[in-house]
Protein backbone atom coordinates (compact mmCIF):
# COMPACT_ATOMS: atom_id res chain seq x y z
CA MET A 1 67.93 -41.37 158.96
CA GLY A 2 67.04 -41.91 154.88
CA PHE A 3 67.72 -39.87 152.04
CA TYR A 4 64.73 -37.59 152.68
CA GLY A 5 65.74 -36.96 156.43
CA GLU A 6 69.42 -35.95 154.91
CA TRP A 7 68.35 -34.02 152.47
CA GLU A 8 66.09 -31.78 155.05
CA ASN A 9 69.16 -31.33 157.39
CA ARG A 10 71.57 -30.32 154.53
CA LEU A 11 68.84 -27.78 153.54
CA LYS A 12 68.46 -26.42 157.00
CA LYS A 13 72.20 -26.25 157.38
CA ARG A 14 72.26 -24.18 153.89
CA CYS A 15 69.43 -21.89 155.18
CA ALA A 16 71.15 -21.17 158.70
CA MET A 17 72.99 -17.74 158.68
CA ILE A 18 76.75 -18.07 158.71
CA GLN A 19 79.19 -15.64 159.59
CA VAL A 20 81.33 -13.62 157.17
CA GLU A 21 84.71 -15.31 157.54
CA ASP A 22 82.97 -18.77 157.44
CA ALA A 23 80.93 -17.66 154.12
CA LEU A 24 84.64 -16.39 152.90
CA ASN A 25 86.34 -19.53 153.69
CA ILE A 26 83.72 -21.86 152.09
CA ILE A 27 83.95 -19.34 149.05
CA LEU A 28 87.83 -19.29 148.40
CA LYS A 29 88.49 -23.02 149.34
CA GLU A 30 86.69 -23.93 146.18
CA THR A 31 88.37 -21.23 143.73
CA PHE A 32 91.38 -21.84 141.71
CA PRO A 33 93.21 -19.37 139.31
CA LEU A 34 92.31 -20.18 135.97
CA GLY A 35 94.54 -21.21 133.21
CA ALA A 36 97.10 -19.27 131.49
CA GLU A 37 97.13 -17.66 128.20
CA LYS A 38 99.78 -15.73 126.15
CA VAL A 39 98.92 -12.14 125.28
CA ALA A 40 101.22 -9.17 123.85
CA VAL A 41 103.53 -7.63 126.51
CA LEU A 42 101.64 -4.51 126.57
CA GLU A 43 98.39 -6.14 127.28
CA SER A 44 99.83 -7.70 130.15
CA LEU A 45 99.87 -4.48 132.09
CA GLY A 46 98.13 -5.41 135.62
CA ARG A 47 97.75 -9.15 134.71
CA VAL A 48 99.65 -11.94 136.68
CA LEU A 49 102.61 -14.03 135.01
CA GLY A 50 101.64 -17.47 134.60
CA GLU A 51 105.26 -18.41 134.38
CA SER A 52 108.71 -16.94 135.28
CA VAL A 53 110.48 -14.82 132.55
CA TYR A 54 114.03 -15.93 132.26
CA GLY A 55 117.09 -13.84 130.48
CA GLY A 56 117.42 -15.20 127.24
CA ARG A 57 120.10 -12.40 126.50
CA ILE A 58 122.51 -10.62 128.68
CA ILE A 59 121.51 -6.78 129.40
CA PRO A 60 123.28 -4.55 128.27
CA PRO A 61 124.67 -7.13 125.77
CA ARG A 62 128.27 -5.02 125.76
CA ASP A 63 130.08 -2.52 128.17
CA ASN A 64 128.59 1.08 127.19
CA SER A 65 128.89 4.29 128.87
CA SER A 66 126.66 5.72 131.36
CA MET A 67 127.99 9.42 130.61
CA ASP A 68 128.92 11.66 127.99
CA GLY A 69 132.58 12.15 127.97
CA TYR A 70 135.98 10.46 126.75
CA ALA A 71 136.56 6.60 126.82
CA VAL A 72 140.10 6.49 128.44
CA ARG A 73 142.57 3.96 129.66
CA GLU A 74 142.76 4.32 133.48
CA VAL A 75 146.80 3.84 133.43
CA ASP A 76 147.05 7.26 131.15
CA THR A 77 145.28 9.29 133.49
CA GLN A 78 146.64 8.55 136.92
CA GLU A 79 148.81 11.86 137.39
CA ALA A 80 145.84 13.67 136.35
CA SER A 81 144.50 16.92 138.58
CA PRO A 82 143.29 20.38 138.29
CA SER A 83 146.54 21.44 138.73
CA ASN A 84 148.28 18.81 136.48
CA PRO A 85 145.92 18.39 133.47
CA ILE A 86 146.66 15.27 131.37
CA ILE A 87 146.47 15.49 127.63
CA LEU A 88 144.86 12.89 125.27
CA ASP A 89 144.94 12.55 121.66
CA VAL A 90 140.87 12.08 120.47
CA ILE A 91 140.82 9.50 117.75
CA GLU A 92 137.51 8.93 117.28
CA ASP A 93 133.73 10.18 118.19
CA ILE A 94 131.37 7.54 119.37
CA PRO A 95 127.78 8.10 119.63
CA ALA A 96 124.98 5.97 120.62
CA GLY A 97 124.14 3.60 118.19
CA SER A 98 127.45 3.42 116.51
CA ILE A 99 130.25 0.77 116.51
CA PRO A 100 133.60 1.75 117.47
CA LYS A 101 136.31 1.69 114.64
CA ARG A 102 139.47 1.95 116.50
CA ALA A 103 140.93 0.68 119.85
CA ILE A 104 142.09 3.03 122.43
CA GLY A 105 145.98 3.05 122.42
CA ILE A 106 148.59 4.57 124.72
CA GLY A 107 147.71 8.38 125.15
CA GLN A 108 144.44 8.34 123.47
CA ALA A 109 140.89 8.78 124.14
CA ALA A 110 137.57 8.67 122.49
CA ARG A 111 134.94 10.90 122.45
CA ILE A 112 131.71 8.99 123.74
CA MET A 113 127.89 9.64 124.20
CA THR A 114 125.81 7.95 127.04
CA GLY A 115 124.81 4.41 125.74
CA ALA A 116 127.32 4.28 123.53
CA PRO A 117 129.74 1.01 123.38
CA ILE A 118 132.99 1.00 125.12
CA PRO A 119 135.91 0.99 122.63
CA GLU A 120 138.63 -1.98 122.87
CA GLY A 121 141.57 -0.94 124.74
CA ALA A 122 139.34 1.65 126.88
CA ASP A 123 138.28 0.90 130.48
CA ALA A 124 136.73 3.98 132.03
CA VAL A 125 134.90 6.87 130.75
CA VAL A 126 135.62 10.67 132.11
CA LYS A 127 132.69 12.63 132.39
CA VAL A 128 132.91 15.84 129.91
CA GLU A 129 132.57 18.19 133.04
CA ASP A 130 136.12 17.17 133.96
CA THR A 131 137.58 17.85 130.81
CA ARG A 132 138.38 20.42 128.07
CA GLN A 133 138.75 19.50 124.46
CA THR A 134 140.71 21.74 122.28
CA GLY A 135 140.81 20.51 118.47
CA GLN A 136 141.71 16.86 118.54
CA ARG A 137 142.94 16.82 121.99
CA VAL A 138 141.74 16.69 125.42
CA GLU A 139 142.66 17.74 128.61
CA LEU A 140 141.45 15.78 131.66
CA THR A 141 141.67 17.38 135.30
CA VAL A 142 140.80 14.05 137.17
CA ALA A 143 142.16 10.40 137.58
CA ALA A 144 139.95 7.92 136.28
CA LYS A 145 138.88 4.20 138.02
CA LYS A 146 138.74 1.02 136.07
CA ALA A 147 135.06 0.90 135.02
CA GLU A 148 134.12 4.19 136.19
CA ASN A 149 131.18 5.52 134.29
CA ILE A 150 130.90 2.15 132.38
CA ARG A 151 127.64 0.06 132.08
CA LEU A 152 129.47 -3.40 132.48
CA ALA A 153 128.06 -6.27 130.05
CA GLY A 154 125.21 -8.37 132.07
CA GLU A 155 125.28 -6.28 134.93
CA ASP A 156 121.60 -5.70 134.84
CA VAL A 157 120.62 -9.20 133.56
CA ARG A 158 122.73 -12.10 133.05
CA GLU A 159 121.80 -14.94 130.59
CA GLY A 160 119.44 -17.61 132.11
CA GLU A 161 119.02 -15.65 135.50
CA GLU A 162 115.06 -15.52 136.37
CA VAL A 163 114.24 -11.99 136.04
CA ILE A 164 110.54 -11.80 136.87
CA PRO A 165 109.26 -14.57 138.84
CA ALA A 166 105.83 -16.25 137.92
CA GLY A 167 103.06 -14.80 139.96
CA THR A 168 104.31 -11.31 139.75
CA VAL A 169 101.62 -8.58 139.15
CA VAL A 170 103.06 -6.87 135.69
CA ARG A 171 103.74 -3.19 136.17
CA PRO A 172 104.98 -0.43 133.59
CA ALA A 173 108.75 -1.65 135.05
CA GLU A 174 107.68 -5.25 134.07
CA VAL A 175 106.31 -4.14 130.71
CA GLY A 176 109.93 -2.37 129.60
CA MET A 177 112.08 -5.62 131.17
CA MET A 178 110.12 -7.90 129.24
CA ALA A 179 110.34 -5.75 126.04
CA ALA A 180 113.98 -5.30 126.74
CA LEU A 181 114.55 -9.13 126.86
CA GLY A 182 112.55 -9.19 123.49
CA LYS A 183 109.57 -10.92 124.96
CA SER A 184 106.72 -9.34 122.66
CA PHE A 185 104.30 -12.24 124.11
CA VAL A 186 103.93 -13.49 127.55
CA SER A 187 101.98 -15.76 129.73
CA VAL A 188 99.51 -14.46 131.91
CA TYR A 189 96.48 -16.14 134.06
CA GLN A 190 93.38 -15.51 132.17
CA ARG A 191 90.46 -13.00 133.01
CA PRO A 192 87.37 -14.52 133.90
CA VAL A 193 84.15 -13.68 132.50
CA VAL A 194 81.67 -12.48 134.77
CA ALA A 195 77.80 -12.67 133.84
CA VAL A 196 75.36 -10.10 135.31
CA ILE A 197 72.17 -10.22 135.81
CA ALA A 198 69.78 -7.91 137.35
CA THR A 199 66.30 -9.07 138.31
CA GLY A 200 63.01 -6.93 139.11
CA ASP A 201 59.99 -5.89 137.59
CA GLU A 202 60.48 -2.52 138.96
CA LEU A 203 63.90 -2.06 136.85
CA ALA A 204 64.15 0.19 133.74
CA ASP A 205 67.25 0.43 131.46
CA ILE A 206 69.22 3.62 131.89
CA ASP A 207 68.03 5.15 128.49
CA ASP A 208 64.21 4.39 128.93
CA PRO A 209 61.69 7.13 129.71
CA VAL A 210 61.51 8.42 132.91
CA SER A 211 58.80 7.03 135.11
CA SER A 212 58.14 7.25 138.96
CA TRP A 213 56.91 3.93 138.96
CA LYS A 214 60.50 2.38 137.70
CA ILE A 215 64.16 2.60 138.89
CA VAL A 216 67.00 2.71 136.70
CA ASN A 217 69.13 -0.64 136.90
CA SER A 218 71.91 1.05 138.71
CA ASN A 219 73.28 -2.46 140.09
CA ALA A 220 74.32 -3.61 136.86
CA TYR A 221 76.41 -0.73 136.39
CA SER A 222 78.12 -0.54 139.61
CA LEU A 223 78.80 -4.33 139.39
CA THR A 224 80.32 -3.84 135.88
CA ALA A 225 82.54 -0.98 137.14
CA GLN A 226 83.60 -3.37 140.20
CA ILE A 227 84.19 -6.13 137.71
CA LEU A 228 86.23 -3.96 135.50
CA GLN A 229 88.12 -2.41 138.32
CA CYS A 230 89.06 -6.10 139.73
CA GLY A 231 90.61 -6.46 135.92
CA ALA A 232 88.01 -9.25 134.97
CA VAL A 233 85.59 -9.36 131.76
CA PRO A 234 81.58 -8.41 132.58
CA LEU A 235 79.09 -9.98 130.38
CA LEU A 236 75.58 -8.17 130.69
CA MET A 237 72.92 -10.15 130.45
CA GLY A 238 70.34 -7.44 130.89
CA ILE A 239 67.02 -7.16 133.16
CA ALA A 240 65.47 -10.63 134.38
CA ARG A 241 61.66 -9.86 135.02
CA ASP A 242 60.60 -11.50 138.04
CA ASN A 243 59.03 -14.58 136.52
CA ARG A 244 60.11 -18.30 135.85
CA GLU A 245 60.49 -18.04 132.20
CA ASP A 246 62.25 -14.63 132.05
CA LEU A 247 64.76 -15.65 134.55
CA LEU A 248 65.53 -19.01 133.12
CA ALA A 249 66.12 -17.06 129.82
CA LYS A 250 69.14 -14.81 131.52
CA PHE A 251 70.35 -17.46 133.76
CA ARG A 252 70.83 -20.31 131.28
CA PRO A 253 73.16 -18.60 128.70
CA ALA A 254 74.86 -16.84 131.73
CA LEU A 255 76.44 -20.49 132.41
CA ARG A 256 78.71 -20.09 129.84
CA ALA A 257 80.53 -17.29 132.03
CA ASP A 258 83.05 -18.09 134.64
CA VAL A 259 81.35 -16.32 137.29
CA ILE A 260 77.83 -15.53 137.46
CA LEU A 261 76.52 -12.44 139.62
CA SER A 262 72.59 -11.86 139.86
CA SER A 263 71.32 -8.98 142.15
CA GLY A 264 67.90 -9.04 143.62
CA GLY A 265 65.17 -11.59 144.30
CA VAL A 266 67.20 -13.40 147.00
CA SER A 267 64.79 -12.59 150.10
CA VAL A 268 62.05 -14.18 151.22
CA GLY A 269 59.04 -12.29 149.30
CA ASP A 270 56.57 -13.77 147.05
CA TYR A 271 58.60 -12.52 144.02
CA ASP A 272 62.12 -13.45 144.96
CA MET A 273 62.65 -16.49 142.86
CA VAL A 274 66.41 -16.49 142.44
CA LYS A 275 67.01 -19.11 144.64
CA ASP A 276 64.57 -21.80 143.01
CA ILE A 277 65.66 -20.91 139.83
CA MET A 278 69.59 -21.12 140.83
CA THR A 279 68.61 -24.68 141.84
CA GLU A 280 66.65 -25.40 138.79
CA VAL A 281 69.68 -24.67 136.31
CA GLY A 282 71.76 -26.90 138.36
CA THR A 283 73.28 -24.98 141.25
CA ASP A 284 74.37 -26.50 144.53
CA ILE A 285 73.70 -24.21 146.80
CA GLU A 286 76.24 -23.84 149.83
CA PHE A 287 74.46 -21.00 151.89
CA TRP A 288 71.75 -18.39 151.73
CA ARG A 289 72.18 -15.70 154.63
CA VAL A 290 75.30 -14.16 155.79
CA ALA A 291 75.61 -12.61 159.36
CA MET A 292 76.34 -8.93 157.86
CA LYS A 293 74.73 -5.91 157.48
CA PRO A 294 74.21 -4.29 154.67
CA GLY A 295 74.32 -7.57 152.38
CA LYS A 296 72.32 -10.63 154.90
CA PRO A 297 70.55 -12.20 151.84
CA LEU A 298 73.24 -13.67 149.86
CA VAL A 299 72.97 -17.14 147.85
CA TYR A 300 76.33 -18.65 146.93
CA GLY A 301 76.84 -21.92 145.22
CA ARG A 302 78.58 -23.71 142.52
CA ILE A 303 77.52 -24.85 138.91
CA SER A 304 79.80 -27.19 137.22
CA GLY A 305 82.63 -25.97 139.26
CA LYS A 306 81.49 -22.12 138.85
CA PRO A 307 80.79 -19.74 141.51
CA ILE A 308 77.40 -18.42 141.56
CA PHE A 309 76.11 -15.38 143.53
CA GLY A 310 72.68 -14.32 144.33
CA LEU A 311 73.45 -10.73 145.38
CA PRO A 312 70.85 -8.70 147.72
CA GLY A 313 68.86 -6.07 145.34
CA ASN A 314 69.57 -2.75 147.43
CA PRO A 315 72.23 -0.73 145.73
CA VAL A 316 74.80 -0.76 148.77
CA SER A 317 74.38 -4.26 150.08
CA THR A 318 74.96 -5.10 146.24
CA MET A 319 78.41 -3.11 146.32
CA VAL A 320 79.40 -4.11 149.90
CA SER A 321 78.68 -7.89 149.12
CA PHE A 322 80.73 -7.72 145.95
CA GLU A 323 83.54 -6.07 147.83
CA GLN A 324 83.52 -8.87 150.68
CA PHE A 325 82.87 -11.92 148.38
CA VAL A 326 83.03 -11.66 144.67
CA ARG A 327 86.36 -9.33 144.44
CA PRO A 328 88.39 -12.04 146.10
CA VAL A 329 87.42 -14.59 144.08
CA LEU A 330 87.89 -12.87 141.20
CA LEU A 331 91.57 -11.91 142.28
CA LYS A 332 92.23 -15.68 143.18
CA MET A 333 90.77 -16.60 139.53
CA MET A 334 93.14 -14.41 138.14
CA GLY A 335 96.33 -15.67 139.78
CA HIS A 336 96.65 -13.03 142.46
CA ARG A 337 97.77 -13.76 146.23
CA PHE A 338 96.88 -10.58 147.93
CA LEU A 339 93.14 -10.77 147.73
CA PHE A 340 91.85 -8.20 150.15
CA ARG A 341 91.51 -4.28 150.84
CA ARG A 342 94.27 -2.53 153.02
CA THR A 343 92.87 -1.51 156.07
CA VAL A 344 93.73 1.14 158.51
CA GLN A 345 93.01 1.59 162.19
CA ALA A 346 90.74 5.02 162.73
CA VAL A 347 88.90 6.70 165.31
CA LEU A 348 85.04 6.78 164.59
CA LYS A 349 83.78 10.09 165.24
CA GLU A 350 79.98 9.29 165.80
CA GLY A 351 78.84 6.21 168.29
CA LEU A 352 76.83 3.50 166.88
CA ASP A 353 74.26 0.96 168.05
CA LYS A 354 74.12 -2.36 166.30
CA GLN A 355 72.85 -5.98 166.31
CA PRO A 356 75.52 -7.98 168.22
CA GLU A 357 75.04 -10.95 166.14
CA LEU A 358 76.05 -9.33 162.85
CA THR A 359 78.99 -7.87 161.57
CA TYR A 360 78.45 -3.99 160.17
CA PHE A 361 80.24 -2.94 157.05
CA VAL A 362 79.59 1.16 157.93
CA ARG A 363 80.25 3.60 154.90
CA VAL A 364 82.95 6.43 155.89
CA HIS A 365 85.20 8.66 155.01
CA VAL A 366 88.68 8.50 156.36
CA GLU A 367 90.82 11.36 156.58
CA ARG A 368 94.11 12.01 158.19
CA LYS A 369 94.66 13.96 161.41
CA ASP A 370 97.19 14.31 163.84
CA GLY A 371 99.27 11.57 162.52
CA GLY A 372 96.41 9.29 162.27
CA TYR A 373 92.93 8.74 160.95
CA VAL A 374 89.44 9.57 161.48
CA ALA A 375 86.51 8.00 160.20
CA VAL A 376 83.31 10.08 159.70
CA LEU A 377 79.76 8.50 158.72
CA THR A 378 78.86 9.52 154.99
CA GLY A 379 75.35 9.99 156.19
CA GLU A 380 72.03 7.64 156.31
CA GLN A 381 73.37 4.08 156.30
CA SER A 382 70.36 2.47 154.71
CA SER A 383 71.19 -0.11 152.26
CA GLY A 384 69.36 1.99 149.60
CA ILE A 385 71.22 5.48 149.80
CA LEU A 386 73.79 5.19 147.20
CA LYS A 387 74.93 8.40 147.88
CA SER A 388 76.31 7.44 151.06
CA MET A 389 78.59 4.89 149.07
CA VAL A 390 79.67 7.77 146.78
CA ARG A 391 81.01 9.72 149.83
CA ALA A 392 83.03 6.49 151.39
CA ASN A 393 86.44 6.03 150.76
CA GLY A 394 86.20 3.31 153.34
CA LEU A 395 84.05 0.77 155.28
CA ALA A 396 84.35 0.85 159.02
CA ILE A 397 83.71 -3.00 160.02
CA LEU A 398 82.01 -3.37 163.29
CA PRO A 399 82.33 -7.29 164.55
CA LYS A 400 80.07 -9.54 165.68
CA GLY A 401 79.73 -9.88 169.38
CA VAL A 402 79.40 -6.04 169.84
CA ARG A 403 76.11 -4.22 170.45
CA ASN A 404 77.56 -0.86 170.31
CA ILE A 405 80.56 1.49 169.32
CA SER A 406 80.77 4.84 171.13
CA SER A 407 82.38 7.79 169.71
CA GLY A 408 86.17 8.10 169.65
CA GLU A 409 86.64 4.23 169.57
CA ARG A 410 89.20 2.93 167.25
CA VAL A 411 87.78 0.55 164.53
CA THR A 412 89.23 -1.31 161.45
CA VAL A 413 88.25 0.40 158.58
CA GLN A 414 88.45 -1.59 155.11
CA MET A 415 89.65 1.09 152.45
CA ILE A 416 87.84 0.76 149.36
CA ASP A 417 89.06 3.73 147.06
CA ASP A 418 92.41 3.03 145.67
CA SER A 419 93.19 7.00 145.55
CA PHE A 420 93.46 7.17 149.29
CA ASN A 421 97.16 6.73 149.30
CA MET A 422 97.68 9.59 146.89
CA THR A 423 98.37 13.16 148.02
CA LEU A 424 97.63 16.48 146.43
CA ASN A 425 101.27 17.26 146.67
CA PRO A 426 104.51 15.40 146.84
CA GLU A 427 105.34 14.75 150.13
CA TYR A 428 108.87 14.87 149.74
CA PHE A 429 108.50 18.70 149.14
CA GLN A 430 106.90 19.04 152.32
CA GLU A 431 108.67 20.52 155.12
CA ARG A 432 109.89 18.05 157.72
């Protein structure tokens, strides 16, 4: 076939439209977690642990009281009851944070506070509600059981125990546990730096004078917000005008980032030069068009092992493409195992016609109704109508091979609003 024939076939293959799942497989099989770094324990919140956390000390470090009450010997309380209270001598007060000074002997007790260490000789705590103190004596109206109301040394964490496995997403509970273990710094996966380039002569910055001939560069803001929401680090490169020199001036310094995103300039117009610029800076382009709506014109490739995306320029297409392809990449680079949004099955209220060769991502608002979910279109589905994205909490996925969806059909909805699972009032207060 020869070099040029092989090159031409590769080019045709890469320019062919591919399915969403194939595009996602290509992208993710080439994506790997970044290295780990040490961060302060509070800065680890929401990050993924790069190594397991082990118990370097036992927690609690010694037996302590789980109640305010009296530390006693079980054997001294066996006959206690409301009709036959047992009287013990109170030899000491032990507040939390203090060290017991005396051992508990026969017929003795110590007044003890929650969290205070159990004195030598005591093996149970009677809660204060079951006692009555008079001077230096206390009446017990219940019999104690061994270890009752005592937090035993090491019952939370044993020395050498794996407490939090590597790969865990750090929540407040993990932060507290690591602090309890004395871990002021912990190992987490690095956050990728994501360069954002907006392209187009028609774009204006947010603070530029208002002009009917320009549109505000909203894509840079929505993409930056999506990047931040993932937990990655945005690097805004500004607006690149539709000429080779300006595009190169933005793309070349962007290559220092871990991921490069551009919006616009990836279609077939005379001024759509992003594919050529990506090739010129050394990108190995994997595919150009994806069989989806919105978001069909999407360029993906690798440069020095780094993913580079040429996203479409229409605002909704940009955001939907990010959700389907960029978000999973960023999560995987940060060590996450769960890369995809939650989906629910919902009844679609309005019917839709579609092109059977494309997968549609339709903006909907999902509501709970009669024990299930109903999906309502949020308005005009044009890829330039950003308001329909504002009103949406989900994307109804209408698969390839289907020509139309009837009103009342069940569809899979990808939930893009993290507050979807929140409720106005606590559900455990609601009548059953």
